[in-house]
Protein backbone atom coordinates (compact mmCIF):
# COMPACT_ATOMS: atom_id res chain seq x y z
CA UNK A 1 78.47 14.53 157.81
CA UNK A 2 81.63 12.91 159.26
CA UNK A 3 82.99 9.92 157.31
CA UNK A 4 82.22 7.41 160.11
CA UNK A 5 78.52 8.39 160.19
CA UNK A 6 78.28 8.54 156.39
CA UNK A 7 79.64 5.00 156.26
CA UNK A 8 76.96 3.90 158.74
CA UNK A 9 74.21 5.51 156.64
CA UNK A 10 75.40 3.60 153.54
CA UNK A 11 75.46 0.37 155.58
CA UNK A 12 71.92 0.99 156.84
CA UNK A 13 70.65 1.80 153.35
CA UNK A 14 71.98 -1.55 152.19
CA UNK A 15 70.61 -3.36 155.30
CA UNK A 16 67.03 -2.07 155.04
CA UNK A 17 66.63 -1.94 151.24
CA UNK A 18 63.99 -4.25 149.74
CA UNK A 19 64.40 -4.59 145.98
CA UNK A 20 61.60 -5.15 143.49
CA UNK A 21 62.92 -8.67 142.97
CA UNK A 22 62.72 -9.39 146.70
CA UNK A 23 59.18 -7.97 146.89
CA UNK A 24 58.07 -10.31 144.08
CA UNK A 25 59.75 -13.30 145.73
CA UNK A 26 58.01 -12.53 149.05
CA UNK A 27 54.63 -12.12 147.30
CA UNK A 28 55.00 -15.49 145.56
CA UNK A 29 55.67 -17.21 148.90
CA UNK A 30 52.77 -15.25 150.46
CA UNK A 31 50.33 -16.59 147.83
CA UNK A 32 51.52 -20.13 148.58
CA UNK A 33 51.00 -19.66 152.34
CA UNK A 34 47.50 -18.21 151.82
CA UNK A 35 46.54 -21.39 149.96
CA UNK A 36 48.18 -23.58 152.62
CA UNK A 37 46.28 -21.86 155.43
CA UNK A 38 42.96 -22.83 153.82
CA UNK A 39 43.78 -26.56 153.70
CA UNK A 40 42.67 -29.06 156.38
CA UNK A 41 46.35 -29.35 157.45
CA UNK A 42 46.68 -25.57 157.77
CA UNK A 43 49.89 -23.54 157.75
CA UNK A 44 51.62 -20.58 159.43
CA UNK A 45 48.86 -18.14 158.37
CA UNK A 46 45.69 -19.28 160.21
CA UNK A 47 43.17 -18.15 157.52
CA UNK A 48 40.20 -18.29 159.91
CA UNK A 49 36.68 -18.55 158.43
CA UNK A 50 34.57 -15.79 160.06
CA UNK A 51 31.06 -17.05 159.16
CA UNK A 52 30.37 -13.62 157.72
CA UNK A 53 28.98 -14.80 154.40
CA UNK A 54 27.98 -11.72 152.39
CA UNK A 55 28.88 -8.15 151.59
CA UNK A 56 26.31 -5.50 152.50
CA UNK A 57 24.17 -4.18 149.65
CA UNK A 58 23.79 -0.72 151.21
CA UNK A 59 20.08 -1.43 151.64
CA UNK A 60 20.34 -2.90 155.16
CA UNK A 61 18.10 -1.16 157.70
CA UNK A 62 17.42 -1.25 161.44
CA UNK A 63 19.00 -0.41 164.78
CA UNK A 64 22.02 -2.40 165.97
CA UNK A 65 24.49 -2.13 168.81
CA UNK A 66 28.24 -2.49 168.44
CA UNK A 67 30.70 -3.17 171.23
CA UNK A 68 34.44 -2.67 170.72
CA UNK A 69 36.57 -4.13 173.50
CA UNK A 70 39.99 -2.52 173.15
CA UNK A 71 43.01 -2.64 175.41
CA UNK A 72 42.42 0.86 176.82
CA UNK A 73 38.78 1.72 176.17
CA UNK A 74 35.43 0.06 175.74
CA UNK A 75 33.34 1.68 173.01
CA UNK A 76 29.59 1.18 172.75
CA UNK A 77 27.80 2.36 169.60
CA UNK A 78 24.18 2.40 168.52
CA UNK A 79 23.97 2.42 164.74
CA UNK A 80 20.80 3.08 162.79
CA UNK A 81 21.05 1.85 159.21
CA UNK A 82 18.67 4.20 157.44
CA UNK A 83 16.50 3.90 154.34
CA UNK A 84 19.08 5.94 152.40
CA UNK A 85 21.43 3.56 150.56
CA UNK A 86 24.75 3.18 152.39
CA UNK A 87 23.84 5.78 155.02
CA UNK A 88 23.81 5.42 158.82
CA UNK A 89 23.40 7.40 162.03
CA UNK A 90 25.59 6.70 165.03
CA UNK A 91 25.67 7.57 168.73
CA UNK A 92 28.52 6.29 170.85
CA UNK A 93 30.07 6.36 174.31
CA UNK A 94 33.52 5.42 175.55
CA UNK A 95 34.28 3.81 178.89
CA UNK A 96 37.74 3.45 180.40
CA UNK A 97 38.92 -0.14 180.81
CA UNK A 98 40.24 -0.22 184.41
CA UNK A 99 43.77 -1.66 184.66
CA UNK A 100 42.83 -3.93 187.58
CA UNK A 101 40.25 -5.66 185.37
CA UNK A 102 43.01 -6.89 183.05
CA UNK A 103 44.35 -9.23 185.72
CA UNK A 104 41.09 -9.82 187.59
CA UNK A 105 38.50 -12.54 187.02
CA UNK A 106 36.34 -13.33 183.99
CA UNK A 107 33.24 -12.63 186.05
CA UNK A 108 34.50 -9.10 186.87
CA UNK A 109 35.33 -8.40 183.23
CA UNK A 110 31.98 -9.49 181.78
CA UNK A 111 30.15 -7.80 184.68
CA UNK A 112 31.89 -4.49 183.99
CA UNK A 113 31.13 -4.66 180.24
CA UNK A 114 27.48 -5.53 180.97
CA UNK A 115 27.31 -2.55 183.40
CA UNK A 116 28.59 -0.22 180.66
CA UNK A 117 26.00 -1.51 178.18
CA UNK A 118 23.29 -1.10 180.81
CA UNK A 119 24.35 2.51 181.44
CA UNK A 120 24.36 3.19 177.69
CA UNK A 121 20.85 1.82 177.16
CA UNK A 122 19.41 3.53 180.24
CA UNK A 123 20.89 6.87 179.15
CA UNK A 124 19.75 6.71 175.51
CA UNK A 125 16.49 4.77 175.94
CA UNK A 126 15.19 5.84 179.35
CA UNK A 127 11.64 4.63 179.90
CA UNK A 128 11.44 2.92 176.50
CA UNK A 129 10.15 -0.63 176.08
CA UNK A 130 12.81 -2.40 174.03
CA UNK A 131 12.88 -5.78 172.36
CA UNK A 132 16.21 -7.60 172.38
CA UNK A 133 18.77 -5.43 170.58
CA UNK A 134 21.19 -7.39 168.35
CA UNK A 135 24.85 -6.74 169.14
CA UNK A 136 27.93 -6.98 166.95
CA UNK A 137 30.84 -7.62 169.34
CA UNK A 138 34.28 -6.59 168.04
CA UNK A 139 36.52 -8.97 169.94
CA UNK A 140 39.97 -8.37 168.46
CA UNK A 141 41.83 -11.07 170.33
CA UNK A 142 42.93 -14.36 168.74
CA UNK A 143 39.82 -16.55 168.78
CA UNK A 144 38.64 -19.73 167.08
CA UNK A 145 35.16 -19.50 165.62
CA UNK A 146 33.08 -22.44 164.51
CA UNK A 147 30.02 -20.17 164.77
CA UNK A 148 29.56 -16.45 164.12
CA UNK A 149 27.73 -15.94 167.42
CA UNK A 150 30.38 -17.66 169.54
CA UNK A 151 34.18 -17.69 169.84
CA UNK A 152 36.82 -19.50 171.88
CA UNK A 153 39.64 -17.23 173.09
CA UNK A 154 43.00 -18.70 172.06
CA UNK A 155 45.16 -16.31 174.09
CA UNK A 156 44.95 -12.87 175.64
CA UNK A 157 46.85 -9.93 174.10
CA UNK A 158 46.89 -6.11 174.70
CA UNK A 159 47.94 -6.50 178.33
CA UNK A 160 45.07 -8.76 179.46
CA UNK A 161 45.93 -11.74 181.64
CA UNK A 162 42.64 -13.00 183.09
CA UNK A 163 42.74 -16.60 184.27
CA UNK A 164 40.09 -19.10 183.26
CA UNK A 165 39.03 -17.38 180.02
CA UNK A 166 41.59 -18.71 177.52
CA UNK A 167 40.43 -21.87 175.76
CA UNK A 168 36.77 -21.10 176.53
CA UNK A 169 33.80 -19.64 174.68
CA UNK A 170 33.55 -15.95 175.64
CA UNK A 171 29.88 -15.44 174.67
CA UNK A 172 27.97 -17.51 177.34
CA UNK A 173 29.54 -15.79 180.40
CA UNK A 174 29.06 -12.39 178.75
CA UNK A 175 25.40 -13.10 177.97
CA UNK A 176 24.92 -14.44 181.51
CA UNK A 177 26.17 -11.10 182.89
CA UNK A 178 23.71 -9.26 180.61
CA UNK A 179 20.87 -11.54 181.75
CA UNK A 180 21.65 -10.97 185.45
CA UNK A 181 21.24 -7.22 184.87
CA UNK A 182 18.16 -7.54 182.66
CA UNK A 183 19.96 -5.85 179.75
CA UNK A 184 17.92 -6.53 176.56
CA UNK A 185 20.80 -7.54 174.27
CA UNK A 186 21.56 -10.61 172.17
CA UNK A 187 25.03 -11.24 170.70
CA UNK A 188 24.26 -11.72 167.00
CA UNK A 189 27.87 -11.76 165.84
CA UNK A 190 31.36 -11.96 167.28
CA UNK A 191 33.79 -10.36 164.84
CA UNK A 192 37.21 -8.72 164.74
CA UNK A 193 38.25 -5.25 163.63
CA UNK A 194 39.68 -6.43 160.30
CA UNK A 195 36.48 -8.16 159.17
CA UNK A 196 34.54 -5.12 160.37
CA UNK A 197 36.84 -2.83 158.39
CA UNK A 198 36.15 -4.78 155.20
CA UNK A 199 32.37 -4.85 155.74
CA UNK A 200 32.07 -1.18 156.76
CA UNK A 201 34.13 -0.09 153.76
CA UNK A 202 32.15 -2.31 151.36
CA UNK A 203 28.92 -0.74 152.68
CA UNK A 204 29.89 2.61 151.14
CA UNK A 205 32.13 1.37 148.29
CA UNK A 206 31.05 -1.55 146.04
CA UNK A 207 34.63 -1.94 144.69
CA UNK A 208 36.00 -2.83 148.14
CA UNK A 209 37.52 -6.35 148.27
CA UNK A 210 40.09 -6.40 151.12
CA UNK A 211 40.13 -4.93 154.63
CA UNK A 212 43.51 -4.29 156.30
CA UNK A 213 44.81 -3.07 159.63
CA UNK A 214 48.24 -1.41 159.75
CA UNK A 215 48.57 -0.21 163.33
CA UNK A 216 50.11 -1.59 166.52
CA UNK A 217 49.59 -4.97 164.83
CA UNK A 218 48.67 -5.93 161.27
CA UNK A 219 46.04 -8.11 159.60
CA UNK A 220 43.83 -8.54 156.54
CA UNK A 221 40.45 -10.02 155.62
CA UNK A 222 38.92 -10.77 152.23
CA UNK A 223 35.99 -12.66 150.69
CA UNK A 224 36.76 -16.25 149.65
CA UNK A 225 34.64 -18.98 148.04
CA UNK A 226 33.97 -22.05 150.19
CA UNK A 227 35.17 -24.29 147.35
CA UNK A 228 38.66 -22.90 148.04
CA UNK A 229 38.46 -23.57 151.80
CA UNK A 230 39.51 -27.20 152.16
CA UNK A 231 39.20 -27.06 155.95
CA UNK A 232 35.42 -26.47 155.55
CA UNK A 233 34.83 -29.21 152.95
CA UNK A 234 33.02 -31.36 155.54
CA UNK A 235 30.37 -28.63 155.88
CA UNK A 236 29.27 -29.14 152.23
CA UNK A 237 28.49 -25.44 151.85
CA UNK A 238 28.60 -25.23 148.06
CA UNK A 239 31.75 -24.21 146.23
CA UNK A 240 30.51 -20.73 145.26
CA UNK A 241 29.24 -19.86 148.76
CA UNK A 242 31.07 -16.69 149.95
CA UNK A 243 32.94 -16.58 153.25
CA UNK A 244 35.10 -13.80 154.67
CA UNK A 245 38.50 -15.09 155.75
CA UNK A 246 40.31 -13.39 158.63
CA UNK A 247 43.88 -14.09 157.53
CA UNK A 248 45.80 -13.21 160.72
CA UNK A 249 48.67 -12.66 158.28
CA UNK A 250 51.15 -11.37 160.89
CA UNK A 251 52.22 -15.04 161.06
CA UNK A 252 53.43 -15.08 157.43
CA UNK A 253 56.88 -16.66 156.93
CA UNK A 254 57.30 -17.89 160.48
CA UNK A 255 59.79 -20.35 158.95
CA UNK A 256 61.94 -17.37 157.86
CA UNK A 257 62.17 -18.52 154.24
CA UNK A 258 61.91 -15.20 152.38
CA UNK A 259 61.53 -12.14 154.61
CA UNK A 260 64.77 -10.06 154.56
CA UNK A 261 65.40 -10.11 158.30
CA UNK A 262 68.29 -8.05 159.64
CA UNK A 263 70.31 -8.72 162.80
CA UNK A 264 67.95 -6.26 164.53
CA UNK A 265 64.82 -8.18 163.46
CA UNK A 266 66.39 -11.34 164.86
CA UNK A 267 66.93 -9.64 168.25
CA UNK A 268 63.32 -8.36 168.34
CA UNK A 269 62.01 -11.85 167.63
CA UNK A 270 64.34 -13.58 170.10
CA UNK A 271 63.47 -11.20 172.94
CA UNK A 272 59.71 -11.12 172.25
CA UNK A 273 57.21 -13.06 174.42
CA UNK A 274 56.66 -15.51 171.52
CA UNK A 275 59.86 -16.09 169.52
CA UNK A 276 59.35 -17.62 166.07
CA UNK A 277 55.79 -16.29 165.79
CA UNK A 278 54.28 -13.28 163.99
CA UNK A 279 57.41 -12.84 161.83
CA UNK A 280 55.75 -10.55 159.27
CA UNK A 281 54.09 -8.43 161.95
CA UNK A 282 57.42 -7.90 163.71
CA UNK A 283 58.81 -6.26 160.55
CA UNK A 284 55.88 -3.97 159.69
CA UNK A 285 53.72 -3.23 162.74
CA UNK A 286 53.84 -0.01 164.73
CA UNK A 287 54.66 -1.82 167.96
CA UNK A 288 58.09 -2.82 166.61
CA UNK A 289 59.21 0.12 164.40
CA UNK A 290 60.41 2.23 167.33
CA UNK A 291 62.20 -0.75 168.87
CA UNK A 292 64.02 -1.43 165.57
CA UNK A 293 65.14 2.21 165.52
CA UNK A 294 66.36 2.00 169.13
CA UNK A 295 68.33 -1.22 168.54
CA UNK A 296 70.09 0.24 165.49
CA UNK A 297 71.10 3.44 167.33
CA UNK A 298 72.36 1.45 170.30
CA UNK A 299 74.38 -0.78 167.97
CA UNK A 300 75.97 2.23 166.22
CA UNK A 301 76.71 3.85 169.59
CA UNK A 302 78.68 0.79 170.71
CA UNK A 303 80.34 0.36 167.29
CA UNK A 304 84.12 0.76 167.49
CA UNK A 305 85.39 3.68 165.44
CA UNK A 306 81.99 5.39 165.20
CA UNK A 307 81.31 8.53 167.21
CA UNK A 308 77.63 9.08 167.99
CA UNK A 309 76.10 10.52 171.18
CA UNK A 310 79.61 10.88 172.63
CA UNK A 311 79.72 11.74 176.34
CA UNK A 312 75.90 11.49 176.47
CA UNK A 313 73.85 9.49 178.95
CA UNK A 314 72.18 6.81 176.81
CA UNK A 315 70.52 4.97 179.71
CA UNK A 316 67.03 5.80 178.39
CA UNK A 317 67.97 4.52 174.94
CA UNK A 318 68.94 1.21 176.57
CA UNK A 319 65.39 0.61 177.82
CA UNK A 320 63.49 -1.80 175.49
CA UNK A 321 60.31 -0.48 173.82
CA UNK A 322 60.91 3.03 175.10
CA UNK A 323 60.16 4.34 171.57
CA UNK A 324 57.12 3.64 169.40
CA UNK A 325 56.23 4.39 165.78
CA UNK A 326 55.05 7.91 166.68
CA UNK A 327 58.70 8.78 167.51
CA UNK A 328 59.73 7.88 163.96
CA UNK A 329 56.70 9.71 162.54
CA UNK A 330 57.73 12.89 164.37
CA UNK A 331 61.28 12.66 162.98
CA UNK A 332 60.03 12.21 159.41
CA UNK A 333 57.60 15.10 159.83
CA UNK A 334 60.23 17.57 161.05
CA UNK A 335 59.94 20.42 158.51
CA UNK A 336 63.15 22.23 159.49
CA UNK A 337 66.42 21.76 157.62
CA UNK A 338 68.39 21.95 160.87
CA UNK A 339 66.02 19.30 162.38
CA UNK A 340 65.09 21.50 165.36
CA UNK A 341 62.03 19.43 166.25
CA UNK A 342 64.00 16.18 166.11
CA UNK A 343 66.63 17.72 168.39
CA UNK A 344 63.94 18.68 170.91
CA UNK A 345 62.34 15.22 170.60
CA UNK A 346 65.64 13.51 171.49
CA UNK A 347 66.15 15.83 174.45
CA UNK A 348 62.60 15.41 175.71
CA UNK A 349 62.28 11.64 175.24
CA UNK A 350 65.84 10.32 175.62
CA UNK A 351 67.68 13.18 177.40
CA UNK A 352 70.19 13.15 174.52
CA UNK A 353 71.62 16.41 173.12
CA UNK A 354 72.25 15.22 169.56
CA UNK A 355 74.44 17.06 167.04
CA UNK A 356 73.17 17.90 163.53
CA UNK A 357 75.06 15.07 161.70
CA UNK A 358 73.70 12.59 164.28
CA UNK A 359 70.20 13.92 163.71
CA UNK A 360 70.65 13.55 159.95
CA UNK A 361 71.60 9.90 160.44
CA UNK A 362 68.52 9.41 162.65
CA UNK A 363 66.30 11.04 160.03
CA UNK A 364 67.64 8.70 157.33
CA UNK A 365 67.24 5.68 159.63
CA UNK A 366 63.59 6.57 160.33
CA UNK A 367 62.97 6.87 156.57
CA UNK A 368 64.61 3.50 155.92
CA UNK A 369 62.62 1.66 158.62
CA UNK A 370 59.33 3.33 157.63
CA UNK A 371 59.92 2.68 153.93
CA UNK A 372 60.79 -0.98 154.45
CA UNK A 373 57.63 -1.52 156.52
CA UNK A 374 55.41 0.12 153.92
CA UNK A 375 56.99 -1.83 151.05
CA UNK A 376 56.58 -5.16 152.86
CA UNK A 377 52.88 -4.47 153.56
CA UNK A 378 52.32 -4.27 149.80
CA UNK A 379 53.34 -7.94 149.48
CA UNK A 380 50.33 -9.13 151.49
CA UNK A 381 47.88 -7.02 149.46
CA UNK A 382 49.45 -8.13 146.17
CA UNK A 383 49.33 -11.79 147.31
CA UNK A 384 45.57 -11.72 148.04
CA UNK A 385 44.87 -9.96 144.73
CA UNK A 386 47.06 -12.49 142.87
CA UNK A 387 45.40 -15.46 144.58
CA UNK A 388 41.92 -14.14 143.73
CA UNK A 389 42.84 -12.98 140.22
CA UNK A 390 41.78 -9.39 140.97
CA UNK A 391 43.42 -6.97 138.56
CA UNK A 392 41.54 -3.96 139.94
CA UNK A 393 39.80 -3.30 143.26
CA UNK A 394 39.77 -1.11 146.35
CA UNK A 395 41.43 -2.04 149.64
CA UNK A 396 40.15 -0.45 152.88
CA UNK A 397 42.91 0.18 155.40
CA UNK A 398 42.83 1.41 158.98
CA UNK A 399 45.27 1.69 161.87
CA UNK A 400 47.65 4.30 163.29
CA UNK A 401 50.56 3.48 160.96
CA UNK A 402 48.43 3.71 157.81
CA UNK A 403 46.61 6.85 158.93
CA UNK A 404 49.40 8.78 160.65
CA UNK A 405 52.83 7.62 159.48
CA UNK A 406 54.21 10.13 156.93
CA UNK A 407 54.53 8.86 153.34
CA UNK A 408 53.37 5.35 154.29
CA UNK A 409 50.58 5.32 151.69
CA UNK A 410 52.81 6.58 148.86
CA UNK A 411 55.58 4.08 149.67
CA UNK A 412 53.08 1.23 149.84
CA UNK A 413 51.48 2.26 146.53
CA UNK A 414 54.88 2.45 144.81
CA UNK A 415 55.77 -1.07 146.01
CA UNK A 416 52.42 -2.39 144.71
CA UNK A 417 53.25 -0.89 141.30
CA UNK A 418 56.62 -2.65 141.33
CA UNK A 419 55.23 -6.04 142.38
CA UNK A 420 52.35 -6.01 139.90
CA UNK A 421 54.32 -4.32 137.07
CA UNK A 422 52.20 -1.20 136.69
CA UNK A 423 55.19 1.13 136.63
CA UNK A 424 54.63 2.38 133.13
CA UNK A 425 51.93 2.53 130.49
CA UNK A 426 52.60 1.46 126.89
CA UNK A 427 54.03 4.88 126.05
CA UNK A 428 56.48 4.57 128.93
CA UNK A 429 54.80 7.25 131.06
CA UNK A 430 53.73 6.76 134.68
CA UNK A 431 50.14 5.62 135.02
CA UNK A 432 48.04 8.24 136.77
CA UNK A 433 45.56 5.89 138.46
CA UNK A 434 46.50 2.58 140.03
CA UNK A 435 44.11 -0.31 139.31
CA UNK A 436 44.35 -1.47 142.95
CA UNK A 437 43.97 1.43 145.38
CA UNK A 438 44.44 1.34 149.15
CA UNK A 439 41.99 3.80 150.72
CA UNK A 440 41.20 4.94 154.24
CA UNK A 441 38.60 2.54 155.66
CA UNK A 442 35.30 3.22 157.35
CA UNK A 443 34.78 2.55 161.08
CA UNK A 444 35.28 -1.20 161.27
CA UNK A 445 34.90 -1.86 164.98
CA UNK A 446 31.69 0.22 165.23
CA UNK A 447 29.70 0.42 162.00
CA UNK A 448 31.40 -2.74 160.65
CA UNK A 449 30.42 -4.82 163.69
CA UNK A 450 26.81 -3.57 163.49
CA UNK A 451 26.69 -4.47 159.79
CA UNK A 452 28.05 -7.98 160.49
CA UNK A 453 25.20 -8.41 163.01
CA UNK A 454 22.70 -7.11 160.41
CA UNK A 455 24.01 -9.47 157.71
CA UNK A 456 23.86 -12.41 160.14
CA UNK A 457 20.18 -11.80 160.97
CA UNK A 458 19.45 -11.30 157.28
CA UNK A 459 20.80 -14.74 156.35
CA UNK A 460 19.08 -16.38 159.33
CA UNK A 461 15.83 -14.91 158.02
CA UNK A 462 16.64 -16.40 154.59
CA UNK A 463 17.21 -19.83 156.16
CA UNK A 464 21.03 -19.94 155.93
CA UNK A 465 21.98 -21.27 159.36
CA UNK A 466 25.58 -22.34 158.58
CA UNK A 467 27.85 -21.33 161.43
CA UNK A 468 24.93 -20.28 163.68
CA UNK A 469 24.96 -21.81 167.14
CA UNK A 470 22.04 -20.19 168.96
CA UNK A 471 19.50 -20.73 166.18
CA UNK A 472 16.34 -20.15 168.22
CA UNK A 473 17.45 -16.82 169.73
CA UNK A 474 18.79 -15.49 166.42
CA UNK A 475 15.62 -16.51 164.58
CA UNK A 476 13.62 -14.51 167.15
CA UNK A 477 15.99 -11.53 166.78
CA UNK A 478 15.74 -11.76 162.98
CA UNK A 479 11.93 -11.74 163.14
CA UNK A 480 11.99 -8.67 165.42
CA UNK A 481 14.25 -6.90 162.93
CA UNK A 482 11.89 -7.79 160.07
CA UNK A 483 8.98 -6.18 161.93
CA UNK A 484 11.10 -3.12 162.76
CA UNK A 485 12.05 -2.71 159.09
CA UNK A 486 8.43 -2.91 158.01
CA UNK A 487 7.49 -0.23 160.55
CA UNK A 488 10.33 2.00 159.27
CA UNK A 489 9.02 1.66 155.74
CA UNK A 490 5.45 2.54 156.81
CA UNK A 491 6.77 5.56 158.72
């Protein structure tokens, strides 16, 4: 490798390195911000109570619907929780979310979703007489919830920009659209994918304590005690009452106190739609990893005295967000020593004919960005475990970065060992099994949402109506489920 490029690699290694000491410092600040978010005054991390107040036992039974409203697709699932402990059956259908809906009216949106649910029920239950089916609605957009069966949209994300919906409760207009079409559905729970991930994973694994998403965005949820949630003190719920908290931890360190931001992170933040927000997310989420990579390459290209992509057309490289995390994944996965696949990737995506030393620099840069992201994610997990005093547990994780990015899991696990000092056993040898393991999660937006609905009806039946708005309708739905369960047992 030429001296000018080698010098750049050394600079980048220094720029993107996150030492054990830094990881521990970040984790300490993270713990502090988790506490702050639970106070009446609040903090950068929202720490939203979800009104999901129990883990599943694995003994839940009955038929539930789940609706997952994503940015591209709408997924409808029917989940039957069977008599077998922790087992379920699922049928599902996907419907394309038309682009014109994203900037249409609220009425059009809820009407389209109700039409999809109607189609689903007519197809799978033609001619059947159905009672009201309880629905778990995965609504993964920032929402404020004072009740589990309702939610006020704070702001649209994922390309939606529908006027008149922000700042309003999304459930009544949705249920009105269902009623107009005579669709026999009752929204039993509004949840998000992170809470669903935790619940679905806990259904099959009793050691599960945290649910995480590491994908286009990032988030975590865990079970807290109400005695720790100062902002709910007025509810007088009992200090040992459990409550899942949806952290929305992408907002960690919005004050830029501890995160090791580079000049490139500063540019990403400054040029984002919401500067000064989601600081943690902008350093670890899939949406930003490709952009970081692009900014660094562009900077090196314009660096005086450094020759990279000479006499090449870099116009495509100059286009913001032209690369995503899958570009970096492909580079790291290239199995050939001469980086043939990376060379083809650059030609295909950026119309750049890169030389081998340039490709080697790009490979190292992808490793550095991917490694830093994975190491920083470990801080959030370690912070929740530290706050709760958990020395061993399982963490359920989902999302494209966790599932598909090469070496992400190993890098994250290594950072956890460093933060929590597990590196060596007493004899100095590497421990073979980590006390806190991050595992692939179950289907949070489908099975998880259905389970949240099941748990909600279960507690309504038991008389726990905290955070329930539509008490009468949910009591009726809970009674129907009780009868259904009894019939299942007789059968």
